[in-house]
Amino acid sequence: MDGVGEYYYKYEVYNSKNKMVASKKYAEGITSYNWKATKVGKYKIVVTVKDAIGTTIAKTVKKVIVK
């Protein structure tokens, strides 16, 4: 990402019904997120990066099946 200034990261976890089940709000420099599933199912993890002027980009970085 070619952004301006510092980067802020937000992490969101969604279940198979696209309901958010966990999240971490924007934080500067937090480039990782630990999450532990509490139920069996399919999940996706979305990371959004925001720069100092508010430009954002979001990517689904992982699809997880918990058995």
PDB file of N, CA and C in Angstrom:
ATOM      1  N   MET A   1       0.852  -1.177   0.000  1.00  0.00           N
ATOM      2  CA  MET A   1       0.000   0.000   0.000  1.00  0.00           C
ATOM      3  C   MET A   1       0.887   1.227   0.000  1.00  0.00           C
ATOM      4  N   ASP A   2       0.644   2.114  -0.915  1.00  0.00           N
ATOM      5  CA  ASP A   2       1.377   3.378  -0.961  1.00  0.00           C
ATOM      6  C   ASP A   2       0.533   4.433  -0.284  1.00  0.00           C
ATOM      7  N   GLY A   3       0.707   4.577   1.001  1.00  0.00           N
ATOM      8  CA  GLY A   3      -0.090   5.516   1.769  1.00  0.00           C
ATOM      9  C   GLY A   3       0.756   6.659   2.293  1.00  0.00           C
ATOM     10  N   VAL A   4       0.109   7.503   3.086  1.00  0.00           N
ATOM     11  CA  VAL A   4       0.751   8.678   3.650  1.00  0.00           C
ATOM     12  C   VAL A   4       0.897   8.499   5.155  1.00  0.00           C
ATOM     13  N   GLY A   5       2.095   8.701   5.672  1.00  0.00           N
ATOM     14  CA  GLY A   5       2.319   8.675   7.114  1.00  0.00           C
ATOM     15  C   GLY A   5       2.199   7.292   7.724  1.00  0.00           C
ATOM     16  N   GLU A   6       1.719   7.255   8.959  1.00  0.00           N
ATOM     17  CA  GLU A   6       1.584   6.008   9.706  1.00  0.00           C
ATOM     18  C   GLU A   6       0.414   5.177   9.183  1.00  0.00           C
ATOM     19  N   TYR A   7       0.492   3.867   9.397  1.00  0.00           N
ATOM     20  CA  TYR A   7      -0.597   2.961   9.038  1.00  0.00           C
ATOM     21  C   TYR A   7      -1.308   2.484  10.299  1.00  0.00           C
ATOM     22  N   TYR A   8      -2.617   2.349  10.202  1.00  0.00           N
ATOM     23  CA  TYR A   8      -3.457   1.859  11.288  1.00  0.00           C
ATOM     24  C   TYR A   8      -4.182   0.614  10.783  1.00  0.00           C
ATOM     25  N   TYR A   9      -4.268  -0.405  11.625  1.00  0.00           N
ATOM     26  CA  TYR A   9      -4.795  -1.700  11.201  1.00  0.00           C
ATOM     27  C   TYR A   9      -6.054  -2.047  11.984  1.00  0.00           C
ATOM     28  N   LYS A  10      -7.048  -2.607  11.282  1.00  0.00           N
ATOM     29  CA  LYS A  10      -8.278  -3.084  11.902  1.00  0.00           C
ATOM     30  C   LYS A  10      -8.485  -4.527  11.447  1.00  0.00           C
ATOM     31  N   TYR A  11      -8.889  -5.390  12.374  1.00  0.00           N
ATOM     32  CA  TYR A  11      -9.093  -6.805  12.097  1.00  0.00           C
ATOM     33  C   TYR A  11     -10.535  -7.175  12.413  1.00  0.00           C
ATOM     34  N   GLU A  12     -11.172  -7.927  11.507  1.00  0.00           N
ATOM     35  CA  GLU A  12     -12.546  -8.372  11.715  1.00  0.00           C
ATOM     36  C   GLU A  12     -12.663  -9.839  11.318  1.00  0.00           C
ATOM     37  N   VAL A  13     -13.400 -10.608  12.110  1.00  0.00           N
ATOM     38  CA  VAL A  13     -13.636 -12.019  11.835  1.00  0.00           C
ATOM     39  C   VAL A  13     -15.130 -12.199  11.610  1.00  0.00           C
ATOM     40  N   TYR A  14     -15.480 -12.857  10.496  1.00  0.00           N
ATOM     41  CA  TYR A  14     -16.884 -13.088  10.129  1.00  0.00           C
ATOM     42  C   TYR A  14     -17.158 -14.574  10.044  1.00  0.00           C
ATOM     43  N   ASN A  15     -18.366 -14.978  10.470  1.00  0.00           N
ATOM     44  CA  ASN A  15     -18.758 -16.384  10.333  1.00  0.00           C
ATOM     45  C   ASN A  15     -19.343 -16.620   8.944  1.00  0.00           C
ATOM     46  N   SER A  16     -19.816 -17.841   8.701  1.00  0.00           N
ATOM     47  CA  SER A  16     -20.318 -18.199   7.369  1.00  0.00           C
ATOM     48  C   SER A  16     -21.603 -17.452   6.995  1.00  0.00           C
ATOM     49  N   LYS A  17     -22.267 -16.846   7.978  1.00  0.00           N
ATOM     50  CA  LYS A  17     -23.467 -16.041   7.703  1.00  0.00           C
ATOM     51  C   LYS A  17     -23.111 -14.565   7.536  1.00  0.00           C
ATOM     52  N   ASN A  18     -21.822 -14.293   7.433  1.00  0.00           N
ATOM     53  CA  ASN A  18     -21.272 -12.944   7.266  1.00  0.00           C
ATOM     54  C   ASN A  18     -21.568 -12.032   8.460  1.00  0.00           C
ATOM     55  N   LYS A  19     -21.704 -12.640   9.633  1.00  0.00           N
ATOM     56  CA  LYS A  19     -21.893 -11.882  10.870  1.00  0.00           C
ATOM     57  C   LYS A  19     -20.538 -11.725  11.545  1.00  0.00           C
ATOM     58  N   MET A  20     -20.208 -10.493  11.945  1.00  0.00           N
ATOM     59  CA  MET A  20     -18.941 -10.259  12.619  1.00  0.00           C
ATOM     60  C   MET A  20     -18.978 -10.908  13.998  1.00  0.00           C
ATOM     61  N   VAL A  21     -17.975 -11.733  14.288  1.00  0.00           N
ATOM     62  CA  VAL A  21     -17.931 -12.442  15.561  1.00  0.00           C
ATOM     63  C   VAL A  21     -16.767 -11.987  16.446  1.00  0.00           C
ATOM     64  N   ALA A  22     -15.834 -11.240  15.877  1.00  0.00           N
ATOM     65  CA  ALA A  22     -14.712 -10.706  16.645  1.00  0.00           C
ATOM     66  C   ALA A  22     -14.098  -9.556  15.866  1.00  0.00           C
ATOM     67  N   SER A  23     -13.491  -8.615  16.584  1.00  0.00           N
ATOM     68  CA  SER A  23     -12.824  -7.504  15.898  1.00  0.00           C
ATOM     69  C   SER A  23     -11.811  -6.836  16.810  1.00  0.00           C
ATOM     70  N   LYS A  24     -10.897  -6.144  16.186  1.00  0.00           N
ATOM     71  CA  LYS A  24      -9.945  -5.275  16.877  1.00  0.00           C
ATOM     72  C   LYS A  24      -9.966  -3.969  16.121  1.00  0.00           C
ATOM     73  N   LYS A  25     -10.260  -2.876  16.826  1.00  0.00           N
ATOM     74  CA  LYS A  25     -10.379  -1.561  16.189  1.00  0.00           C
ATOM     75  C   LYS A  25      -9.026  -1.074  15.702  1.00  0.00           C
ATOM     76  N   TYR A  26      -9.062   0.006  14.912  1.00  0.00           N
ATOM     77  CA  TYR A  26      -7.832   0.571  14.366  1.00  0.00           C
ATOM     78  C   TYR A  26      -6.808   0.839  15.461  1.00  0.00           C
ATOM     79  N   ALA A  27      -5.588   0.395  15.210  1.00  0.00           N
ATOM     80  CA  ALA A  27      -4.480   0.655  16.111  1.00  0.00           C
ATOM     81  C   ALA A  27      -3.223   0.838  15.273  1.00  0.00           C
ATOM     82  N   GLU A  28      -2.402   1.778  15.657  1.00  0.00           N
ATOM     83  CA  GLU A  28      -1.172   2.057  14.917  1.00  0.00           C
ATOM     84  C   GLU A  28      -0.157   0.948  15.139  1.00  0.00           C
ATOM     85  N   GLY A  29       0.380   0.435  14.039  1.00  0.00           N
ATOM     86  CA  GLY A  29       1.493  -0.498  14.103  1.00  0.00           C
ATOM     87  C   GLY A  29       1.164  -1.908  14.559  1.00  0.00           C
ATOM     88  N   ILE A  30      -0.094  -2.223  14.828  1.00  0.00           N
ATOM     89  CA  ILE A  30      -0.466  -3.576  15.250  1.00  0.00           C
ATOM     90  C   ILE A  30      -0.664  -4.410  13.988  1.00  0.00           C
ATOM     91  N   THR A  31       0.368  -5.142  13.589  1.00  0.00           N
ATOM     92  CA  THR A  31       0.356  -5.853  12.305  1.00  0.00           C
ATOM     93  C   THR A  31      -0.008  -7.325  12.433  1.00  0.00           C
ATOM     94  N   SER A  32      -0.465  -7.745  13.618  1.00  0.00           N
ATOM     95  CA  SER A  32      -0.933  -9.118  13.775  1.00  0.00           C
ATOM     96  C   SER A  32      -2.105  -9.137  14.743  1.00  0.00           C
ATOM     97  N   TYR A  33      -2.871 -10.222  14.684  1.00  0.00           N
ATOM     98  CA  TYR A  33      -4.061 -10.351  15.513  1.00  0.00           C
ATOM     99  C   TYR A  33      -4.247 -11.817  15.862  1.00  0.00           C
ATOM    100  N   ASN A  34      -4.395 -12.116  17.133  1.00  0.00           N
ATOM    101  CA  ASN A  34      -4.646 -13.487  17.582  1.00  0.00           C
ATOM    102  C   ASN A  34      -6.125 -13.626  17.911  1.00  0.00           C
ATOM    103  N   TRP A  35      -6.724 -14.661  17.348  1.00  0.00           N
ATOM    104  CA  TRP A  35      -8.136 -14.933  17.573  1.00  0.00           C
ATOM    105  C   TRP A  35      -8.324 -16.425  17.740  1.00  0.00           C
ATOM    106  N   LYS A  36      -9.180 -16.818  18.676  1.00  0.00           N
ATOM    107  CA  LYS A  36      -9.458 -18.233  18.898  1.00  0.00           C
ATOM    108  C   LYS A  36     -10.951 -18.465  18.721  1.00  0.00           C
ATOM    109  N   ALA A  37     -11.281 -19.374  17.824  1.00  0.00           N
ATOM    110  CA  ALA A  37     -12.686 -19.687  17.571  1.00  0.00           C
ATOM    111  C   ALA A  37     -13.309 -20.331  18.805  1.00  0.00           C
ATOM    112  N   THR A  38     -14.561 -19.987  19.055  1.00  0.00           N
ATOM    113  CA  THR A  38     -15.286 -20.587  20.171  1.00  0.00           C
ATOM    114  C   THR A  38     -16.331 -21.582  19.689  1.00  0.00           C
ATOM    115  N   LYS A  39     -16.558 -21.635  18.377  1.00  0.00           N
ATOM    116  CA  LYS A  39     -17.525 -22.559  17.791  1.00  0.00           C
ATOM    117  C   LYS A  39     -16.961 -23.165  16.511  1.00  0.00           C
ATOM    118  N   VAL A  40     -17.408 -24.361  16.199  1.00  0.00           N
ATOM    119  CA  VAL A  40     -17.067 -25.011  14.937  1.00  0.00           C
ATOM    120  C   VAL A  40     -17.723 -24.223  13.812  1.00  0.00           C
ATOM    121  N   GLY A  41     -17.048 -24.066  12.683  1.00  0.00           N
ATOM    122  CA  GLY A  41     -17.646 -23.372  11.549  1.00  0.00           C
ATOM    123  C   GLY A  41     -16.620 -22.831  10.585  1.00  0.00           C
ATOM    124  N   LYS A  42     -17.118 -22.073   9.602  1.00  0.00           N
ATOM    125  CA  LYS A  42     -16.268 -21.421   8.612  1.00  0.00           C
ATOM    126  C   LYS A  42     -16.194 -19.937   8.933  1.00  0.00           C
ATOM    127  N   TYR A  43     -14.996 -19.385   8.845  1.00  0.00           N
ATOM    128  CA  TYR A  43     -14.763 -17.985   9.174  1.00  0.00           C
ATOM    129  C   TYR A  43     -13.874 -17.339   8.120  1.00  0.00           C
ATOM    130  N   LYS A  44     -13.998 -16.019   7.993  1.00  0.00           N
ATOM    131  CA  LYS A  44     -13.038 -15.272   7.176  1.00  0.00           C
ATOM    132  C   LYS A  44     -12.506 -14.122   8.019  1.00  0.00           C
ATOM    133  N   ILE A  45     -11.251 -13.788   7.773  1.00  0.00           N
ATOM    134  CA  ILE A  45     -10.585 -12.704   8.494  1.00  0.00           C
ATOM    135  C   ILE A  45     -10.304 -11.584   7.506  1.00  0.00           C
ATOM    136  N   VAL A  46     -10.781 -10.398   7.849  1.00  0.00           N
ATOM    137  CA  VAL A  46     -10.614  -9.228   6.986  1.00  0.00           C
ATOM    138  C   VAL A  46      -9.726  -8.218   7.709  1.00  0.00           C
ATOM    139  N   VAL A  47      -8.693  -7.752   7.015  1.00  0.00           N
ATOM    140  CA  VAL A  47      -7.803  -6.727   7.555  1.00  0.00           C
ATOM    141  C   VAL A  47      -8.004  -5.455   6.742  1.00  0.00           C
ATOM    142  N   THR A  48      -8.217  -4.355   7.444  1.00  0.00           N
ATOM    143  CA  THR A  48      -8.326  -3.050   6.802  1.00  0.00           C
ATOM    144  C   THR A  48      -7.159  -2.196   7.276  1.00  0.00           C
ATOM    145  N   VAL A  49      -6.461  -1.586   6.313  1.00  0.00           N
ATOM    146  CA  VAL A  49      -5.338  -0.699   6.621  1.00  0.00           C
ATOM    147  C   VAL A  49      -5.734   0.714   6.242  1.00  0.00           C
ATOM    148  N   LYS A  50      -5.507   1.643   7.177  1.00  0.00           N
ATOM    149  CA  LYS A  50      -5.827   3.055   6.956  1.00  0.00           C
ATOM    150  C   LYS A  50      -4.559   3.867   7.155  1.00  0.00           C
ATOM    151  N   ASP A  51      -4.336   4.834   6.253  1.00  0.00           N
ATOM    152  CA  ASP A  51      -3.154   5.683   6.418  1.00  0.00           C
ATOM    153  C   ASP A  51      -3.521   6.957   7.178  1.00  0.00           C
ATOM    154  N   ALA A  52      -2.548   7.842   7.348  1.00  0.00           N
ATOM    155  CA  ALA A  52      -2.724   9.039   8.175  1.00  0.00           C
ATOM    156  C   ALA A  52      -3.769  10.008   7.637  1.00  0.00           C
ATOM    157  N   ILE A  53      -4.081   9.944   6.336  1.00  0.00           N
ATOM    158  CA  ILE A  53      -5.093  10.863   5.783  1.00  0.00           C
ATOM    159  C   ILE A  53      -6.443  10.178   5.573  1.00  0.00           C
ATOM    160  N   GLY A  54      -6.564   8.928   6.049  1.00  0.00           N
ATOM    161  CA  GLY A  54      -7.853   8.249   6.012  1.00  0.00           C
ATOM    162  C   GLY A  54      -8.109   7.344   4.822  1.00  0.00           C
ATOM    163  N   THR A  55      -7.151   7.192   3.927  1.00  0.00           N
ATOM    164  CA  THR A  55      -7.314   6.274   2.801  1.00  0.00           C
ATOM    165  C   THR A  55      -7.272   4.849   3.337  1.00  0.00           C
ATOM    166  N   THR A  56      -8.252   4.016   2.934  1.00  0.00           N
ATOM    167  CA  THR A  56      -8.297   2.648   3.447  1.00  0.00           C
ATOM    168  C   THR A  56      -8.277   1.629   2.316  1.00  0.00           C
ATOM    169  N   ILE A  57      -7.819   0.440   2.659  1.00  0.00           N
ATOM    170  CA  ILE A  57      -7.884  -0.713   1.771  1.00  0.00           C
ATOM    171  C   ILE A  57      -8.166  -1.927   2.657  1.00  0.00           C
ATOM    172  N   ALA A  58      -9.107  -2.777   2.220  1.00  0.00           N
ATOM    173  CA  ALA A  58      -9.481  -3.965   2.998  1.00  0.00           C
ATOM    174  C   ALA A  58      -9.248  -5.214   2.165  1.00  0.00           C
ATOM    175  N   LYS A  59      -8.762  -6.255   2.802  1.00  0.00           N
ATOM    176  CA  LYS A  59      -8.500  -7.528   2.131  1.00  0.00           C
ATOM    177  C   LYS A  59      -8.928  -8.674   3.036  1.00  0.00           C
ATOM    178  N   THR A  60      -9.531  -9.692   2.428  1.00  0.00           N
ATOM    179  CA  THR A  60      -9.759 -10.944   3.145  1.00  0.00           C
ATOM    180  C   THR A  60      -8.450 -11.708   3.075  1.00  0.00           C
ATOM    181  N   VAL A  61      -7.852 -11.933   4.238  1.00  0.00           N
ATOM    182  CA  VAL A  61      -6.525 -12.528   4.252  1.00  0.00           C
ATOM    183  C   VAL A  61      -6.536 -14.020   4.557  1.00  0.00           C
ATOM    184  N   LYS A  62      -7.635 -14.524   5.093  1.00  0.00           N
ATOM    185  CA  LYS A  62      -7.651 -15.933   5.460  1.00  0.00           C
ATOM    186  C   LYS A  62      -9.086 -16.412   5.578  1.00  0.00           C
ATOM    187  N   LYS A  63      -9.321 -17.589   5.023  1.00  0.00           N
ATOM    188  CA  LYS A  63     -10.586 -18.287   5.246  1.00  0.00           C
ATOM    189  C   LYS A  63     -10.253 -19.501   6.075  1.00  0.00           C
ATOM    190  N   VAL A  64     -10.968 -19.687   7.170  1.00  0.00           N
ATOM    191  CA  VAL A  64     -10.634 -20.700   8.157  1.00  0.00           C
ATOM    192  C   VAL A  64     -11.822 -21.636   8.357  1.00  0.00           C
ATOM    193  N   ILE A  65     -11.564 -22.927   8.391  1.00  0.00           N
ATOM    194  CA  ILE A  65     -12.580 -23.913   8.750  1.00  0.00           C
ATOM    195  C   ILE A  65     -12.185 -24.496  10.098  1.00  0.00           C
ATOM    196  N   VAL A  66     -13.050 -24.321  11.103  1.00  0.00           N
ATOM    197  CA  VAL A  66     -12.786 -24.825  12.440  1.00  0.00           C
ATOM    198  C   VAL A  66     -13.620 -26.091  12.632  1.00  0.00           C
ATOM    199  N   LYS A  67     -12.942 -27.184  12.959  1.00  0.00           N
ATOM    200  CA  LYS A  67     -13.626 -28.477  13.129  1.00  0.00           C
ATOM    201  C   LYS A  67     -13.683 -28.871  14.572  1.00  0.00           C
TER     202      LYS A  67
END
